[in-house]
């Protein structure tokens, strides 16, 4: 069992990290965290190579991530919510999922056949809502072939209550670990 976690937080020890830590501590299998901030992965530039060929023309660290996506059993998007949306660096990194979409749409092939479970760990502290971020995360998870997506784990008052102190969110992160490890 392997779980791939996309971390969209700029803080290595912040609220998102607290939820990721509890989640990972409760996983039985292996997990890999891909941090969007500080990665050298370029965003999609709409060159349209993937419209004609089942590959991305940009050669960078994403070439190592595609096999992780394809081989994983579960994928989790962990991210703070900025302006009611996932963070820019995470969206830039995951814009490279375009290769999966285009292979299916324009070439009639599926590059990522293994069905997965999906989950979300979202944190926020402002006065915006999570709806846009949830919708975007679900779309991205489906693009990575997550057929079953768990209820999101959210702590939305981190300006007053740090995620590490939000017992409800911590409990939900533990439950998400159980969920993603169930056999499909």
Protein backbone atom coordinates (compact mmCIF):
# COMPACT_ATOMS: atom_id res chain seq x y z
CA UNK A 1 0.00 0.00 0.00
CA UNK A 2 1.45 3.34 -1.06
CA UNK A 3 -0.07 6.76 -0.47
CA UNK A 4 1.08 9.83 -2.37
CA UNK A 5 0.57 13.17 -0.61
CA UNK A 6 0.72 16.49 -2.43
CA UNK A 7 1.60 19.21 0.09
CA UNK A 8 0.64 22.71 -1.01
CA UNK A 9 1.84 24.55 2.09
CA UNK A 10 4.81 26.94 2.23
CA UNK A 11 5.39 25.98 5.88
CA UNK A 12 7.24 22.77 6.68
CA UNK A 13 6.01 22.85 10.29
CA UNK A 14 2.68 24.64 10.00
CA UNK A 15 -0.97 23.66 10.22
CA UNK A 16 -1.01 21.56 7.05
CA UNK A 17 2.13 19.74 8.24
CA UNK A 18 0.40 18.93 11.55
CA UNK A 19 -2.45 17.17 9.72
CA UNK A 20 -0.05 15.40 7.36
CA UNK A 21 1.99 14.16 10.32
CA UNK A 22 -1.00 12.67 12.13
CA UNK A 23 -2.28 11.19 8.88
CA UNK A 24 1.09 9.56 8.08
CA UNK A 25 1.56 8.27 11.64
CA UNK A 26 -1.67 6.33 11.24
CA UNK A 27 -0.89 4.80 7.85
CA UNK A 28 0.24 1.19 7.83
CA UNK A 29 1.82 1.36 4.40
CA UNK A 30 4.38 3.60 2.80
CA UNK A 31 3.84 7.23 1.88
CA UNK A 32 5.61 9.87 -0.16
CA UNK A 33 5.14 13.63 0.24
CA UNK A 34 5.59 15.92 -2.74
CA UNK A 35 6.07 19.51 -1.58
CA UNK A 36 4.89 22.09 -4.11
CA UNK A 37 6.78 24.98 -2.52
CA UNK A 38 10.43 24.86 -3.39
CA UNK A 39 9.95 22.29 -6.14
CA UNK A 40 11.60 22.89 -9.47
CA UNK A 41 8.59 21.63 -11.39
CA UNK A 42 7.36 24.02 -14.04
CA UNK A 43 3.67 24.65 -14.65
CA UNK A 44 1.96 23.51 -17.83
CA UNK A 45 2.69 25.98 -20.65
CA UNK A 46 -0.08 24.71 -22.96
CA UNK A 47 2.42 23.69 -25.65
CA UNK A 48 -0.08 20.99 -26.67
CA UNK A 49 2.48 18.23 -27.12
CA UNK A 50 0.22 16.06 -24.97
CA UNK A 51 -2.62 16.59 -27.46
CA UNK A 52 -0.70 14.45 -29.98
CA UNK A 53 1.57 12.27 -27.83
CA UNK A 54 0.93 10.63 -24.44
CA UNK A 55 3.71 12.57 -22.73
CA UNK A 56 4.68 15.98 -21.43
CA UNK A 57 7.29 17.97 -23.35
CA UNK A 58 8.67 19.63 -20.22
CA UNK A 59 11.55 17.63 -18.76
CA UNK A 60 11.90 18.27 -15.05
CA UNK A 61 11.06 16.63 -11.72
CA UNK A 62 7.52 15.86 -12.83
CA UNK A 63 8.92 12.93 -14.83
CA UNK A 64 9.65 11.28 -11.47
CA UNK A 65 6.18 12.07 -10.11
CA UNK A 66 4.12 10.58 -12.94
CA UNK A 67 5.15 6.99 -12.03
CA UNK A 68 4.40 7.70 -8.35
CA UNK A 69 0.90 8.84 -9.30
CA UNK A 70 0.36 5.81 -11.51
CA UNK A 71 1.64 3.26 -8.98
CA UNK A 72 0.08 4.70 -5.82
CA UNK A 73 -2.96 3.16 -4.15
CA UNK A 74 -4.17 6.42 -2.62
CA UNK A 75 -3.60 10.12 -3.24
CA UNK A 76 -4.14 12.93 -0.76
CA UNK A 77 -4.09 16.65 -1.42
CA UNK A 78 -2.99 18.56 1.69
CA UNK A 79 -3.13 22.32 1.43
CA UNK A 80 -3.95 25.61 3.08
CA UNK A 81 -6.75 27.59 1.51
CA UNK A 82 -5.72 30.96 0.09
CA UNK A 83 -8.48 33.21 -1.24
CA UNK A 84 -10.88 30.24 -1.05
CA UNK A 85 -8.62 28.14 -3.34
CA UNK A 86 -5.65 25.76 -3.23
CA UNK A 87 -2.27 27.50 -3.20
CA UNK A 88 -0.70 28.72 -6.44
CA UNK A 89 2.40 26.50 -6.32
CA UNK A 90 0.27 23.39 -5.83
CA UNK A 91 -2.00 24.37 -8.71
CA UNK A 92 1.06 25.04 -10.90
CA UNK A 93 2.55 21.65 -10.12
CA UNK A 94 -0.72 19.81 -10.65
CA UNK A 95 -1.42 21.69 -13.89
CA UNK A 96 0.97 19.11 -15.32
CA UNK A 97 -1.80 16.51 -14.92
CA UNK A 98 -2.94 17.88 -18.27
CA UNK A 99 -1.04 15.00 -19.87
CA UNK A 100 -3.54 12.51 -18.37
CA UNK A 101 -6.54 14.53 -19.46
CA UNK A 102 -5.27 15.05 -23.01
CA UNK A 103 -4.24 11.43 -23.50
CA UNK A 104 -7.78 10.38 -22.66
CA UNK A 105 -9.57 13.17 -24.53
CA UNK A 106 -7.51 13.50 -27.71
CA UNK A 107 -5.90 10.08 -28.06
CA UNK A 108 -8.49 7.84 -26.46
CA UNK A 109 -6.00 6.24 -24.08
CA UNK A 110 -5.71 6.21 -20.32
CA UNK A 111 -2.15 6.60 -18.99
CA UNK A 112 -3.14 6.06 -15.37
CA UNK A 113 -5.25 2.90 -15.15
CA UNK A 114 -4.88 1.99 -11.49
CA UNK A 115 -7.93 3.06 -9.48
CA UNK A 116 -7.15 4.87 -6.25
CA UNK A 117 -8.75 6.26 -3.15
CA UNK A 118 -8.49 9.98 -2.63
CA UNK A 119 -8.53 12.37 0.28
CA UNK A 120 -8.07 15.99 1.25
CA UNK A 121 -6.47 17.69 4.26
CA UNK A 122 -7.38 21.39 4.11
CA UNK A 123 -6.62 24.21 6.52
CA UNK A 124 -7.70 27.81 6.59
CA UNK A 125 -7.94 30.75 8.89
CA UNK A 126 -9.61 33.57 7.03
CA UNK A 127 -13.18 34.43 6.27
CA UNK A 128 -13.39 32.69 2.88
CA UNK A 129 -15.08 29.36 2.40
CA UNK A 130 -13.61 26.04 1.27
CA UNK A 131 -16.03 25.29 -1.59
CA UNK A 132 -13.76 26.32 -4.50
CA UNK A 133 -10.75 24.53 -3.00
CA UNK A 134 -12.82 21.39 -2.43
CA UNK A 135 -14.12 21.42 -6.00
CA UNK A 136 -10.63 21.91 -7.44
CA UNK A 137 -9.14 19.18 -5.24
CA UNK A 138 -11.86 16.72 -6.27
CA UNK A 139 -11.24 17.49 -9.96
CA UNK A 140 -7.50 16.93 -9.53
CA UNK A 141 -8.02 13.70 -7.59
CA UNK A 142 -10.35 12.37 -10.29
CA UNK A 143 -7.75 13.26 -12.93
CA UNK A 144 -5.31 11.03 -11.00
CA UNK A 145 -7.92 8.22 -11.13
CA UNK A 146 -9.24 8.49 -7.57
CA UNK A 147 -12.54 6.66 -7.94
CA UNK A 148 -13.51 6.97 -4.28
CA UNK A 149 -12.89 10.25 -2.50
CA UNK A 150 -13.30 10.52 1.26
CA UNK A 151 -15.05 13.33 3.06
CA UNK A 152 -12.54 16.18 3.40
CA UNK A 153 -10.60 16.72 6.59
CA UNK A 154 -10.72 20.43 7.36
CA UNK A 155 -9.73 22.81 10.09
CA UNK A 156 -10.91 26.25 9.05
CA UNK A 157 -10.15 28.41 12.09
CA UNK A 158 -6.38 28.16 12.29
CA UNK A 159 -6.10 31.88 12.93
CA UNK A 160 -7.63 31.09 16.35
CA UNK A 161 -7.04 27.35 16.79
CA UNK A 162 -3.89 25.72 15.38
CA UNK A 163 -4.47 22.46 13.53
CA UNK A 164 -2.30 20.65 16.07
CA UNK A 165 -4.88 21.61 18.74
CA UNK A 166 -8.00 20.89 16.69
CA UNK A 167 -8.95 17.50 18.13
CA UNK A 168 -11.80 17.05 15.65
CA UNK A 169 -9.53 17.58 12.63
CA UNK A 170 -6.80 15.36 14.10
CA UNK A 171 -9.35 12.60 14.64
CA UNK A 172 -10.60 13.03 11.07
CA UNK A 173 -7.00 12.79 9.78
CA UNK A 174 -6.63 9.47 11.62
CA UNK A 175 -9.91 8.25 10.10
CA UNK A 176 -8.71 9.30 6.63
CA UNK A 177 -5.64 7.08 7.07
CA UNK A 178 -7.95 4.14 7.78
CA UNK A 179 -10.12 5.01 4.79
CA UNK A 180 -7.36 5.23 2.20
CA UNK A 181 -5.93 1.86 3.25
CA UNK A 182 -9.16 -0.09 2.71
CA UNK A 183 -8.95 -2.40 -0.27
CA UNK A 184 -10.87 -1.21 -3.32
